[in-house]
Amino acid sequence: MFKTMDPDVIRELIKDVPDVLTKQAEEEEATYKNLRCPMCSEAGCVKEVRQAKVVMNERGAPEVAVSPFGDGPLPEGHARCVQCNTEFDPRSGIIYQTEASKIHAPPEDFPLTS
């Protein structure tokens, strides 16, 4: 069972710890907002955080196989254009998904192999 901590207790525990995340998060948000979409060329993207992948280990216990947290304190992700919903990697420019690919995606029960 998961029990949440009292917010007042949390505030007391971290009161002397400097806030290093807010500035980084604001800078990252501004970077994504200024990105230009490779499909429609409009500015204005948001960050989509990569989802963690959880698998069962050999003992049958859940284990994180892929985490969105890499080297930095903020989770890794990709950009999504707020104009046309294209999802892409802002570093490499690789396009993951466009609105057209969502429309023409095969049905879930469509056999992709023979």
PDB file of N, CA and C in Angstrom:
ATOM      1  N   MET A   1       0.844  -1.169   0.000  1.00  0.00           N
ATOM      2  CA  MET A   1       0.000   0.000   0.000  1.00  0.00           C
ATOM      3  C   MET A   1       0.895   1.240   0.000  1.00  0.00           C
ATOM      4  N   PHE A   2       0.445   2.263  -0.699  1.00  0.00           N
ATOM      5  CA  PHE A   2       1.180   3.514  -0.804  1.00  0.00           C
ATOM      6  C   PHE A   2       0.519   4.550   0.086  1.00  0.00           C
ATOM      7  N   LYS A   3       1.301   5.167   0.949  1.00  0.00           N
ATOM      8  CA  LYS A   3       0.774   6.215   1.815  1.00  0.00           C
ATOM      9  C   LYS A   3       1.517   7.509   1.511  1.00  0.00           C
ATOM     10  N   THR A   4       0.764   8.559   1.183  1.00  0.00           N
ATOM     11  CA  THR A   4       1.392   9.835   0.861  1.00  0.00           C
ATOM     12  C   THR A   4       1.855  10.535   2.141  1.00  0.00           C
ATOM     13  N   MET A   5       2.945  11.288   1.981  1.00  0.00           N
ATOM     14  CA  MET A   5       3.461  12.045   3.124  1.00  0.00           C
ATOM     15  C   MET A   5       2.673  13.331   3.296  1.00  0.00           C
ATOM     16  N   ASP A   6       2.641  13.799   4.498  1.00  0.00           N
ATOM     17  CA  ASP A   6       2.007  15.080   4.815  1.00  0.00           C
ATOM     18  C   ASP A   6       2.812  16.194   4.130  1.00  0.00           C
ATOM     19  N   PRO A   7       2.165  17.062   3.333  1.00  0.00           N
ATOM     20  CA  PRO A   7       2.889  18.142   2.650  1.00  0.00           C
ATOM     21  C   PRO A   7       3.672  19.047   3.599  1.00  0.00           C
ATOM     22  N   ASP A   8       3.165  19.268   4.798  1.00  0.00           N
ATOM     23  CA  ASP A   8       3.894  20.106   5.765  1.00  0.00           C
ATOM     24  C   ASP A   8       5.199  19.436   6.195  1.00  0.00           C
ATOM     25  N   VAL A   9       5.177  18.122   6.340  1.00  0.00           N
ATOM     26  CA  VAL A   9       6.397  17.378   6.697  1.00  0.00           C
ATOM     27  C   VAL A   9       7.406  17.470   5.552  1.00  0.00           C
ATOM     28  N   ILE A  10       6.933  17.344   4.331  1.00  0.00           N
ATOM     29  CA  ILE A  10       7.814  17.440   3.164  1.00  0.00           C
ATOM     30  C   ILE A  10       8.458  18.821   3.097  1.00  0.00           C
ATOM     31  N   ARG A  11       7.649  19.885   3.266  1.00  0.00           N
ATOM     32  CA  ARG A  11       8.190  21.245   3.241  1.00  0.00           C
ATOM     33  C   ARG A  11       9.263  21.441   4.301  1.00  0.00           C
ATOM     34  N   GLU A  12       9.043  20.907   5.475  1.00  0.00           N
ATOM     35  CA  GLU A  12      10.011  21.035   6.565  1.00  0.00           C
ATOM     36  C   GLU A  12      11.310  20.297   6.232  1.00  0.00           C
ATOM     37  N   LEU A  13      11.195  19.131   5.610  1.00  0.00           N
ATOM     38  CA  LEU A  13      12.374  18.345   5.271  1.00  0.00           C
ATOM     39  C   LEU A  13      13.233  19.001   4.190  1.00  0.00           C
ATOM     40  N   ILE A  14      12.612  19.728   3.273  1.00  0.00           N
ATOM     41  CA  ILE A  14      13.372  20.307   2.160  1.00  0.00           C
ATOM     42  C   ILE A  14      13.579  21.818   2.269  1.00  0.00           C
ATOM     43  N   LYS A  15      13.244  22.411   3.395  1.00  0.00           N
ATOM     44  CA  LYS A  15      13.296  23.873   3.509  1.00  0.00           C
ATOM     45  C   LYS A  15      14.697  24.450   3.279  1.00  0.00           C
ATOM     46  N   ASP A  16      15.755  23.719   3.597  1.00  0.00           N
ATOM     47  CA  ASP A  16      17.108  24.238   3.422  1.00  0.00           C
ATOM     48  C   ASP A  16      17.784  23.735   2.150  1.00  0.00           C
ATOM     49  N   VAL A  17      17.069  22.981   1.351  1.00  0.00           N
ATOM     50  CA  VAL A  17      17.627  22.449   0.104  1.00  0.00           C
ATOM     51  C   VAL A  17      17.364  23.460  -1.013  1.00  0.00           C
ATOM     52  N   PRO A  18      18.422  23.877  -1.729  1.00  0.00           N
ATOM     53  CA  PRO A  18      18.206  24.872  -2.790  1.00  0.00           C
ATOM     54  C   PRO A  18      17.396  24.292  -3.947  1.00  0.00           C
ATOM     55  N   ASP A  19      16.555  25.140  -4.554  1.00  0.00           N
ATOM     56  CA  ASP A  19      15.720  24.731  -5.687  1.00  0.00           C
ATOM     57  C   ASP A  19      16.538  24.854  -6.969  1.00  0.00           C
ATOM     58  N   VAL A  20      16.959  23.726  -7.524  1.00  0.00           N
ATOM     59  CA  VAL A  20      17.737  23.730  -8.768  1.00  0.00           C
ATOM     60  C   VAL A  20      16.886  23.279  -9.956  1.00  0.00           C
ATOM     61  N   LEU A  21      15.696  22.779  -9.700  1.00  0.00           N
ATOM     62  CA  LEU A  21      14.872  22.250 -10.776  1.00  0.00           C
ATOM     63  C   LEU A  21      14.013  23.299 -11.476  1.00  0.00           C
ATOM     64  N   THR A  22      13.498  24.273 -10.738  1.00  0.00           N
ATOM     65  CA  THR A  22      12.576  25.246 -11.329  1.00  0.00           C
ATOM     66  C   THR A  22      13.216  25.996 -12.490  1.00  0.00           C
ATOM     67  N   LYS A  23      14.433  26.500 -12.315  1.00  0.00           N
ATOM     68  CA  LYS A  23      15.104  27.251 -13.377  1.00  0.00           C
ATOM     69  C   LYS A  23      15.342  26.352 -14.593  1.00  0.00           C
ATOM     70  N   GLN A  24      15.805  25.122 -14.374  1.00  0.00           N
ATOM     71  CA  GLN A  24      16.055  24.203 -15.488  1.00  0.00           C
ATOM     72  C   GLN A  24      14.762  23.855 -16.217  1.00  0.00           C
ATOM     73  N   ALA A  25      13.697  23.645 -15.473  1.00  0.00           N
ATOM     74  CA  ALA A  25      12.409  23.309 -16.088  1.00  0.00           C
ATOM     75  C   ALA A  25      11.886  24.487 -16.911  1.00  0.00           C
ATOM     76  N   GLU A  26      12.032  25.705 -16.408  1.00  0.00           N
ATOM     77  CA  GLU A  26      11.583  26.895 -17.145  1.00  0.00           C
ATOM     78  C   GLU A  26      12.396  27.097 -18.417  1.00  0.00           C
ATOM     79  N   GLU A  27      13.725  26.876 -18.340  1.00  0.00           N
ATOM     80  CA  GLU A  27      14.576  27.004 -19.523  1.00  0.00           C
ATOM     81  C   GLU A  27      14.214  25.954 -20.568  1.00  0.00           C
ATOM     82  N   GLU A  28      13.970  24.734 -20.118  1.00  0.00           N
ATOM     83  CA  GLU A  28      13.599  23.669 -21.041  1.00  0.00           C
ATOM     84  C   GLU A  28      12.249  23.967 -21.691  1.00  0.00           C
ATOM     85  N   GLU A  29      11.304  24.460 -20.920  1.00  0.00           N
ATOM     86  CA  GLU A  29       9.984  24.802 -21.461  1.00  0.00           C
ATOM     87  C   GLU A  29      10.109  25.881 -22.535  1.00  0.00           C
ATOM     88  N   ALA A  30      10.945  26.893 -22.290  1.00  0.00           N
ATOM     89  CA  ALA A  30      11.155  27.954 -23.279  1.00  0.00           C
ATOM     90  C   ALA A  30      11.817  27.401 -24.542  1.00  0.00           C
ATOM     91  N   THR A  31      12.751  26.477 -24.382  1.00  0.00           N
ATOM     92  CA  THR A  31      13.415  25.858 -25.534  1.00  0.00           C
ATOM     93  C   THR A  31      12.402  25.134 -26.407  1.00  0.00           C
ATOM     94  N   TYR A  32      11.539  24.333 -25.806  1.00  0.00           N
ATOM     95  CA  TYR A  32      10.528  23.603 -26.569  1.00  0.00           C
ATOM     96  C   TYR A  32       9.526  24.559 -27.213  1.00  0.00           C
ATOM     97  N   LYS A  33       9.151  25.618 -26.506  1.00  0.00           N
ATOM     98  CA  LYS A  33       8.183  26.580 -27.034  1.00  0.00           C
ATOM     99  C   LYS A  33       8.734  27.292 -28.274  1.00  0.00           C
ATOM    100  N   ASN A  34      10.055  27.468 -28.339  1.00  0.00           N
ATOM    101  CA  ASN A  34      10.683  28.157 -29.469  1.00  0.00           C
ATOM    102  C   ASN A  34      11.058  27.221 -30.619  1.00  0.00           C
ATOM    103  N   LEU A  35      10.894  25.918 -30.449  1.00  0.00           N
ATOM    104  CA  LEU A  35      11.208  24.967 -31.518  1.00  0.00           C
ATOM    105  C   LEU A  35      10.273  25.160 -32.705  1.00  0.00           C
ATOM    106  N   ARG A  36      10.801  24.939 -33.887  1.00  0.00           N
ATOM    107  CA  ARG A  36       9.971  24.964 -35.104  1.00  0.00           C
ATOM    108  C   ARG A  36       9.716  23.526 -35.526  1.00  0.00           C
ATOM    109  N   CYS A  37       8.480  23.250 -35.859  1.00  0.00           N
ATOM    110  CA  CYS A  37       8.065  21.915 -36.272  1.00  0.00           C
ATOM    111  C   CYS A  37       8.671  21.589 -37.639  1.00  0.00           C
ATOM    112  N   PRO A  38       9.226  20.382 -37.809  1.00  0.00           N
ATOM    113  CA  PRO A  38       9.779  20.012 -39.114  1.00  0.00           C
ATOM    114  C   PRO A  38       8.705  19.767 -40.179  1.00  0.00           C
ATOM    115  N   MET A  39       7.451  19.613 -39.791  1.00  0.00           N
ATOM    116  CA  MET A  39       6.373  19.372 -40.764  1.00  0.00           C
ATOM    117  C   MET A  39       5.679  20.666 -41.187  1.00  0.00           C
ATOM    118  N   CYS A  40       5.239  21.473 -40.231  1.00  0.00           N
ATOM    119  CA  CYS A  40       4.466  22.677 -40.572  1.00  0.00           C
ATOM    120  C   CYS A  40       5.261  23.965 -40.404  1.00  0.00           C
ATOM    121  N   SER A  41       6.466  23.866 -39.849  1.00  0.00           N
ATOM    122  CA  SER A  41       7.378  25.009 -39.654  1.00  0.00           C
ATOM    123  C   SER A  41       6.880  26.044 -38.654  1.00  0.00           C
ATOM    124  N   GLU A  42       5.817  25.745 -37.931  1.00  0.00           N
ATOM    125  CA  GLU A  42       5.316  26.676 -36.921  1.00  0.00           C
ATOM    126  C   GLU A  42       6.119  26.522 -35.631  1.00  0.00           C
ATOM    127  N   ALA A  43       6.265  27.615 -34.902  1.00  0.00           N
ATOM    128  CA  ALA A  43       6.913  27.576 -33.602  1.00  0.00           C
ATOM    129  C   ALA A  43       5.868  27.205 -32.557  1.00  0.00           C
ATOM    130  N   GLY A  44       6.317  26.597 -31.512  1.00  0.00           N
ATOM    131  CA  GLY A  44       5.417  26.259 -30.419  1.00  0.00           C
ATOM    132  C   GLY A  44       5.253  24.768 -30.255  1.00  0.00           C
ATOM    133  N   CYS A  45       6.112  24.199 -29.444  1.00  0.00           N
ATOM    134  CA  CYS A  45       6.034  22.770 -29.160  1.00  0.00           C
ATOM    135  C   CYS A  45       5.978  22.583 -27.650  1.00  0.00           C
ATOM    136  N   VAL A  46       5.577  21.422 -27.249  1.00  0.00           N
ATOM    137  CA  VAL A  46       5.589  21.053 -25.838  1.00  0.00           C
ATOM    138  C   VAL A  46       6.386  19.767 -25.702  1.00  0.00           C
ATOM    139  N   LYS A  47       6.859  19.527 -24.515  1.00  0.00           N
ATOM    140  CA  LYS A  47       7.639  18.322 -24.249  1.00  0.00           C
ATOM    141  C   LYS A  47       6.707  17.185 -23.861  1.00  0.00           C
ATOM    142  N   GLU A  48       6.919  16.043 -24.475  1.00  0.00           N
ATOM    143  CA  GLU A  48       6.220  14.818 -24.113  1.00  0.00           C
ATOM    144  C   GLU A  48       7.254  13.922 -23.433  1.00  0.00           C
ATOM    145  N   VAL A  49       7.033  13.581 -22.195  1.00  0.00           N
ATOM    146  CA  VAL A  49       7.986  12.763 -21.447  1.00  0.00           C
ATOM    147  C   VAL A  49       7.889  11.321 -21.894  1.00  0.00           C
ATOM    148  N   ARG A  50       9.053  10.725 -22.109  1.00  0.00           N
ATOM    149  CA  ARG A  50       9.104   9.312 -22.486  1.00  0.00           C
ATOM    150  C   ARG A  50       8.585   8.474 -21.317  1.00  0.00           C
ATOM    151  N   GLN A  51       7.752   7.518 -21.621  1.00  0.00           N
ATOM    152  CA  GLN A  51       7.178   6.667 -20.582  1.00  0.00           C
ATOM    153  C   GLN A  51       8.178   5.605 -20.132  1.00  0.00           C
ATOM    154  N   ALA A  52       8.153   5.308 -18.866  1.00  0.00           N
ATOM    155  CA  ALA A  52       9.002   4.242 -18.335  1.00  0.00           C
ATOM    156  C   ALA A  52       8.478   2.895 -18.822  1.00  0.00           C
ATOM    157  N   LYS A  53       9.371   1.980 -19.038  1.00  0.00           N
ATOM    158  CA  LYS A  53       8.989   0.610 -19.425  1.00  0.00           C
ATOM    159  C   LYS A  53       9.266  -0.291 -18.234  1.00  0.00           C
ATOM    160  N   VAL A  54       8.231  -0.943 -17.751  1.00  0.00           N
ATOM    161  CA  VAL A  54       8.350  -1.830 -16.594  1.00  0.00           C
ATOM    162  C   VAL A  54       8.119  -3.258 -17.066  1.00  0.00           C
ATOM    163  N   VAL A  55       9.026  -4.159 -16.685  1.00  0.00           N
ATOM    164  CA  VAL A  55       8.927  -5.571 -17.044  1.00  0.00           C
ATOM    165  C   VAL A  55       8.990  -6.403 -15.769  1.00  0.00           C
ATOM    166  N   MET A  56       8.609  -7.642 -15.900  1.00  0.00           N
ATOM    167  CA  MET A  56       8.710  -8.558 -14.761  1.00  0.00           C
ATOM    168  C   MET A  56      10.075  -9.250 -14.825  1.00  0.00           C
ATOM    169  N   ASN A  57      10.798  -9.259 -13.722  1.00  0.00           N
ATOM    170  CA  ASN A  57      12.098  -9.933 -13.710  1.00  0.00           C
ATOM    171  C   ASN A  57      11.912 -11.434 -13.488  1.00  0.00           C
ATOM    172  N   GLU A  58      13.030 -12.145 -13.408  1.00  0.00           N
ATOM    173  CA  GLU A  58      12.948 -13.612 -13.290  1.00  0.00           C
ATOM    174  C   GLU A  58      12.273 -14.084 -12.001  1.00  0.00           C
ATOM    175  N   ARG A  59      12.192 -13.241 -10.997  1.00  0.00           N
ATOM    176  CA  ARG A  59      11.502 -13.597  -9.745  1.00  0.00           C
ATOM    177  C   ARG A  59      10.038 -13.192  -9.758  1.00  0.00           C
ATOM    178  N   GLY A  60       9.592 -12.578 -10.879  1.00  0.00           N
ATOM    179  CA  GLY A  60       8.200 -12.169 -10.999  1.00  0.00           C
ATOM    180  C   GLY A  60       7.898 -10.815 -10.394  1.00  0.00           C
ATOM    181  N   ALA A  61       8.943 -10.058 -10.060  1.00  0.00           N
ATOM    182  CA  ALA A  61       8.750  -8.728  -9.486  1.00  0.00           C
ATOM    183  C   ALA A  61       8.896  -7.664 -10.578  1.00  0.00           C
ATOM    184  N   PRO A  62       8.117  -6.576 -10.503  1.00  0.00           N
ATOM    185  CA  PRO A  62       8.257  -5.526 -11.505  1.00  0.00           C
ATOM    186  C   PRO A  62       9.612  -4.831 -11.396  1.00  0.00           C
ATOM    187  N   GLU A  63      10.177  -4.501 -12.574  1.00  0.00           N
ATOM    188  CA  GLU A  63      11.477  -3.860 -12.619  1.00  0.00           C
ATOM    189  C   GLU A  63      11.473  -2.835 -13.761  1.00  0.00           C
ATOM    190  N   VAL A  64      12.046  -1.668 -13.521  1.00  0.00           N
ATOM    191  CA  VAL A  64      12.102  -0.634 -14.555  1.00  0.00           C
ATOM    192  C   VAL A  64      13.194  -1.013 -15.550  1.00  0.00           C
ATOM    193  N   ALA A  65      12.799  -1.262 -16.806  1.00  0.00           N
ATOM    194  CA  ALA A  65      13.751  -1.621 -17.853  1.00  0.00           C
ATOM    195  C   ALA A  65      14.286  -0.383 -18.567  1.00  0.00           C
ATOM    196  N   VAL A  66      13.412   0.597 -18.802  1.00  0.00           N
ATOM    197  CA  VAL A  66      13.800   1.847 -19.451  1.00  0.00           C
ATOM    198  C   VAL A  66      13.177   2.981 -18.651  1.00  0.00           C
ATOM    199  N   SER A  67      14.017   3.930 -18.260  1.00  0.00           N
ATOM    200  CA  SER A  67      13.549   5.057 -17.469  1.00  0.00           C
ATOM    201  C   SER A  67      13.637   6.342 -18.283  1.00  0.00           C
ATOM    202  N   PRO A  68      12.711   7.286 -18.062  1.00  0.00           N
ATOM    203  CA  PRO A  68      12.815   8.573 -18.746  1.00  0.00           C
ATOM    204  C   PRO A  68      13.917   9.448 -18.153  1.00  0.00           C
ATOM    205  N   PHE A  69      14.511   9.021 -17.058  1.00  0.00           N
ATOM    206  CA  PHE A  69      15.559   9.816 -16.424  1.00  0.00           C
ATOM    207  C   PHE A  69      16.918   9.340 -16.898  1.00  0.00           C
ATOM    208  N   GLY A  70      17.649  10.254 -17.517  1.00  0.00           N
ATOM    209  CA  GLY A  70      18.978   9.952 -18.041  1.00  0.00           C
ATOM    210  C   GLY A  70      20.035  10.585 -17.160  1.00  0.00           C
ATOM    211  N   ASP A  71      20.879  11.411 -17.773  1.00  0.00           N
ATOM    212  CA  ASP A  71      21.983  12.035 -17.048  1.00  0.00           C
ATOM    213  C   ASP A  71      21.554  13.235 -16.205  1.00  0.00           C
ATOM    214  N   GLY A  72      20.535  13.939 -16.640  1.00  0.00           N
ATOM    215  CA  GLY A  72      20.135  15.158 -15.942  1.00  0.00           C
ATOM    216  C   GLY A  72      19.031  14.923 -14.932  1.00  0.00           C
ATOM    217  N   PRO A  73      18.669  15.976 -14.219  1.00  0.00           N
ATOM    218  CA  PRO A  73      17.615  15.842 -13.209  1.00  0.00           C
ATOM    219  C   PRO A  73      16.205  15.839 -13.790  1.00  0.00           C
ATOM    220  N   LEU A  74      16.050  16.315 -15.033  1.00  0.00           N
ATOM    221  CA  LEU A  74      14.734  16.346 -15.658  1.00  0.00           C
ATOM    222  C   LEU A  74      14.550  15.114 -16.544  1.00  0.00           C
ATOM    223  N   PRO A  75      13.330  14.608 -16.653  1.00  0.00           N
ATOM    224  CA  PRO A  75      13.107  13.435 -17.503  1.00  0.00           C
ATOM    225  C   PRO A  75      13.312  13.764 -18.977  1.00  0.00           C
ATOM    226  N   GLU A  76      13.744  12.772 -19.742  1.00  0.00           N
ATOM    227  CA  GLU A  76      13.949  12.950 -21.177  1.00  0.00           C
ATOM    228  C   GLU A  76      12.615  12.806 -21.894  1.00  0.00           C
ATOM    229  N   GLY A  77      12.564  13.334 -23.088  1.00  0.00           N
ATOM    230  CA  GLY A  77      11.335  13.240 -23.852  1.00  0.00           C
ATOM    231  C   GLY A  77      11.548  13.679 -25.278  1.00  0.00           C
ATOM    232  N   HIS A  78      10.457  13.970 -25.943  1.00  0.00           N
ATOM    233  CA  HIS A  78      10.492  14.446 -27.319  1.00  0.00           C
ATOM    234  C   HIS A  78       9.510  15.604 -27.447  1.00  0.00           C
ATOM    235  N   ALA A  79       9.555  16.275 -28.600  1.00  0.00           N
ATOM    236  CA  ALA A  79       8.697  17.447 -28.829  1.00  0.00           C
ATOM    237  C   ALA A  79       7.419  17.042 -29.554  1.00  0.00           C
ATOM    238  N   ARG A  80       6.338  17.745 -29.220  1.00  0.00           N
ATOM    239  CA  ARG A  80       5.080  17.596 -29.945  1.00  0.00           C
ATOM    240  C   ARG A  80       4.626  18.996 -30.348  1.00  0.00           C
ATOM    241  N   CYS A  81       4.399  19.176 -31.640  1.00  0.00           N
ATOM    242  CA  CYS A  81       3.948  20.465 -32.160  1.00  0.00           C
ATOM    243  C   CYS A  81       2.500  20.698 -31.718  1.00  0.00           C
ATOM    244  N   VAL A  82       2.228  21.880 -31.173  1.00  0.00           N
ATOM    245  CA  VAL A  82       0.866  22.173 -30.728  1.00  0.00           C
ATOM    246  C   VAL A  82      -0.044  22.537 -31.895  1.00  0.00           C
ATOM    247  N   GLN A  83       0.540  22.803 -33.081  1.00  0.00           N
ATOM    248  CA  GLN A  83      -0.258  23.150 -34.258  1.00  0.00           C
ATOM    249  C   GLN A  83      -0.747  21.910 -35.001  1.00  0.00           C
ATOM    250  N   CYS A  84       0.181  20.971 -35.302  1.00  0.00           N
ATOM    251  CA  CYS A  84      -0.180  19.825 -36.147  1.00  0.00           C
ATOM    252  C   CYS A  84       0.012  18.466 -35.456  1.00  0.00           C
ATOM    253  N   ASN A  85       0.422  18.462 -34.192  1.00  0.00           N
ATOM    254  CA  ASN A  85       0.605  17.246 -33.391  1.00  0.00           C
ATOM    255  C   ASN A  85       1.714  16.324 -33.882  1.00  0.00           C
ATOM    256  N   THR A  86       2.646  16.823 -34.684  1.00  0.00           N
ATOM    257  CA  THR A  86       3.795  16.023 -35.084  1.00  0.00           C
ATOM    258  C   THR A  86       4.687  15.821 -33.867  1.00  0.00           C
ATOM    259  N   GLU A  87       5.129  14.583 -33.672  1.00  0.00           N
ATOM    260  CA  GLU A  87       6.042  14.272 -32.569  1.00  0.00           C
ATOM    261  C   GLU A  87       7.411  13.995 -33.164  1.00  0.00           C
ATOM    262  N   PHE A  88       8.453  14.653 -32.604  1.00  0.00           N
ATOM    263  CA  PHE A  88       9.801  14.522 -33.150  1.00  0.00           C
ATOM    264  C   PHE A  88      10.855  14.721 -32.078  1.00  0.00           C
ATOM    265  N   ASP A  89      12.061  14.242 -32.388  1.00  0.00           N
ATOM    266  CA  ASP A  89      13.204  14.409 -31.495  1.00  0.00           C
ATOM    267  C   ASP A  89      13.808  15.777 -31.786  1.00  0.00           C
ATOM    268  N   PRO A  90      13.851  16.674 -30.804  1.00  0.00           N
ATOM    269  CA  PRO A  90      14.359  18.020 -31.065  1.00  0.00           C
ATOM    270  C   PRO A  90      15.863  18.066 -31.319  1.00  0.00           C
ATOM    271  N   ARG A  91      16.590  17.048 -30.892  1.00  0.00           N
ATOM    272  CA  ARG A  91      18.035  17.036 -31.090  1.00  0.00           C
ATOM    273  C   ARG A  91      18.413  16.535 -32.479  1.00  0.00           C
ATOM    274  N   SER A  92      17.794  15.457 -32.920  1.00  0.00           N
ATOM    275  CA  SER A  92      18.150  14.856 -34.214  1.00  0.00           C
ATOM    276  C   SER A  92      17.202  15.265 -35.339  1.00  0.00           C
ATOM    277  N   GLY A  93      15.979  15.699 -35.002  1.00  0.00           N
ATOM    278  CA  GLY A  93      14.993  16.044 -36.017  1.00  0.00           C
ATOM    279  C   GLY A  93      14.204  14.841 -36.524  1.00  0.00           C
ATOM    280  N   ILE A  94      14.478  13.660 -35.991  1.00  0.00           N
ATOM    281  CA  ILE A  94      13.752  12.462 -36.422  1.00  0.00           C
ATOM    282  C   ILE A  94      12.281  12.597 -36.048  1.00  0.00           C
ATOM    283  N   ILE A  95      11.417  12.359 -37.031  1.00  0.00           N
ATOM    284  CA  ILE A  95       9.973  12.448 -36.805  1.00  0.00           C
ATOM    285  C   ILE A  95       9.464  11.083 -36.364  1.00  0.00           C
ATOM    286  N   TYR A  96       8.790  11.056 -35.216  1.00  0.00           N
ATOM    287  CA  TYR A  96       8.239   9.799 -34.689  1.00  0.00           C
ATOM    288  C   TYR A  96       6.833   9.540 -35.213  1.00  0.00           C
ATOM    289  N   GLN A  97       6.022  10.579 -35.243  1.00  0.00           N
ATOM    290  CA  GLN A  97       4.632  10.398 -35.629  1.00  0.00           C
ATOM    291  C   GLN A  97       4.066  11.722 -36.130  1.00  0.00           C
ATOM    292  N   THR A  98       3.243  11.640 -37.177  1.00  0.00           N
ATOM    293  CA  THR A  98       2.552  12.814 -37.686  1.00  0.00           C
ATOM    294  C   THR A  98       1.063  12.532 -37.654  1.00  0.00           C
ATOM    295  N   GLU A  99       0.277  13.556 -37.882  1.00  0.00           N
ATOM    296  CA  GLU A  99      -1.173  13.366 -37.911  1.00  0.00           C
ATOM    297  C   GLU A  99      -1.556  12.398 -39.020  1.00  0.00           C
ATOM    298  N   ALA A 100      -0.852  12.472 -40.157  1.00  0.00           N
ATOM    299  CA  ALA A 100      -1.139  11.565 -41.275  1.00  0.00           C
ATOM    300  C   ALA A 100      -0.845  10.113 -40.890  1.00  0.00           C
ATOM    301  N   SER A 101       0.223   9.871 -40.141  1.00  0.00           N
ATOM    302  CA  SER A 101       0.536   8.493 -39.763  1.00  0.00           C
ATOM    303  C   SER A 101      -0.478   7.949 -38.766  1.00  0.00           C
ATOM    304  N   LYS A 102      -1.102   8.829 -37.996  1.00  0.00           N
ATOM    305  CA  LYS A 102      -2.138   8.389 -37.067  1.00  0.00           C
ATOM    306  C   LYS A 102      -3.403   7.998 -37.828  1.00  0.00           C
ATOM    307  N   ILE A 103      -3.705   8.738 -38.900  1.00  0.00           N
ATOM    308  CA  ILE A 103      -4.905   8.458 -39.695  1.00  0.00           C
ATOM    309  C   ILE A 103      -4.762   7.162 -40.460  1.00  0.00           C
ATOM    310  N   HIS A 104      -3.579   6.924 -41.026  1.00  0.00           N
ATOM    311  CA  HIS A 104      -3.367   5.766 -41.884  1.00  0.00           C
ATOM    312  C   HIS A 104      -2.782   4.561 -41.161  1.00  0.00           C
ATOM    313  N   ALA A 105      -2.747   4.584 -39.864  1.00  0.00           N
ATOM    314  CA  ALA A 105      -2.211   3.443 -39.123  1.00  0.00           C
ATOM    315  C   ALA A 105      -3.127   2.241 -39.328  1.00  0.00           C
ATOM    316  N   PRO A 106      -2.542   1.042 -39.490  1.00  0.00           N
ATOM    317  CA  PRO A 106      -3.381  -0.139 -39.674  1.00  0.00           C
ATOM    318  C   PRO A 106      -4.148  -0.459 -38.394  1.00  0.00           C
ATOM    319  N   PRO A 107      -5.270  -1.139 -38.490  1.00  0.00           N
ATOM    320  CA  PRO A 107      -6.014  -1.520 -37.287  1.00  0.00           C
ATOM    321  C   PRO A 107      -5.153  -2.421 -36.412  1.00  0.00           C
ATOM    322  N   GLU A 108      -5.458  -2.427 -35.123  1.00  0.00           N
ATOM    323  CA  GLU A 108      -4.657  -3.209 -34.177  1.00  0.00           C
ATOM    324  C   GLU A 108      -4.627  -4.689 -34.508  1.00  0.00           C
ATOM    325  N   ASP A 109      -5.693  -5.219 -35.082  1.00  0.00           N
ATOM    326  CA  ASP A 109      -5.734  -6.660 -35.382  1.00  0.00           C
ATOM    327  C   ASP A 109      -5.225  -6.964 -36.798  1.00  0.00           C
ATOM    328  N   PHE A 110      -4.659  -5.961 -37.492  1.00  0.00           N
ATOM    329  CA  PHE A 110      -4.142  -6.164 -38.848  1.00  0.00           C
ATOM    330  C   PHE A 110      -2.816  -6.911 -38.777  1.00  0.00           C
ATOM    331  N   PRO A 111      -2.697  -8.053 -39.452  1.00  0.00           N
ATOM    332  CA  PRO A 111      -1.433  -8.803 -39.387  1.00  0.00           C
ATOM    333  C   PRO A 111      -0.341  -8.109 -40.187  1.00  0.00           C
ATOM    334  N   LEU A 112       0.754  -7.756 -39.516  1.00  0.00           N
ATOM    335  CA  LEU A 112       1.843  -7.088 -40.197  1.00  0.00           C
ATOM    336  C   LEU A 112       2.848  -8.075 -40.795  1.00  0.00           C
ATOM    337  N   THR A 113       2.752  -9.328 -40.402  1.00  0.00           N
ATOM    338  CA  THR A 113       3.615 -10.365 -40.969  1.00  0.00           C
ATOM    339  C   THR A 113       2.733 -11.494 -41.488  1.00  0.00           C
ATOM    340  N   SER A 114       3.237 -12.225 -42.434  1.00  0.00           N
ATOM    341  CA  SER A 114       2.430 -13.316 -42.988  1.00  0.00           C
ATOM    342  C   SER A 114       2.782 -14.636 -42.352  1.00  0.00           C
TER     343      SER A 114
END
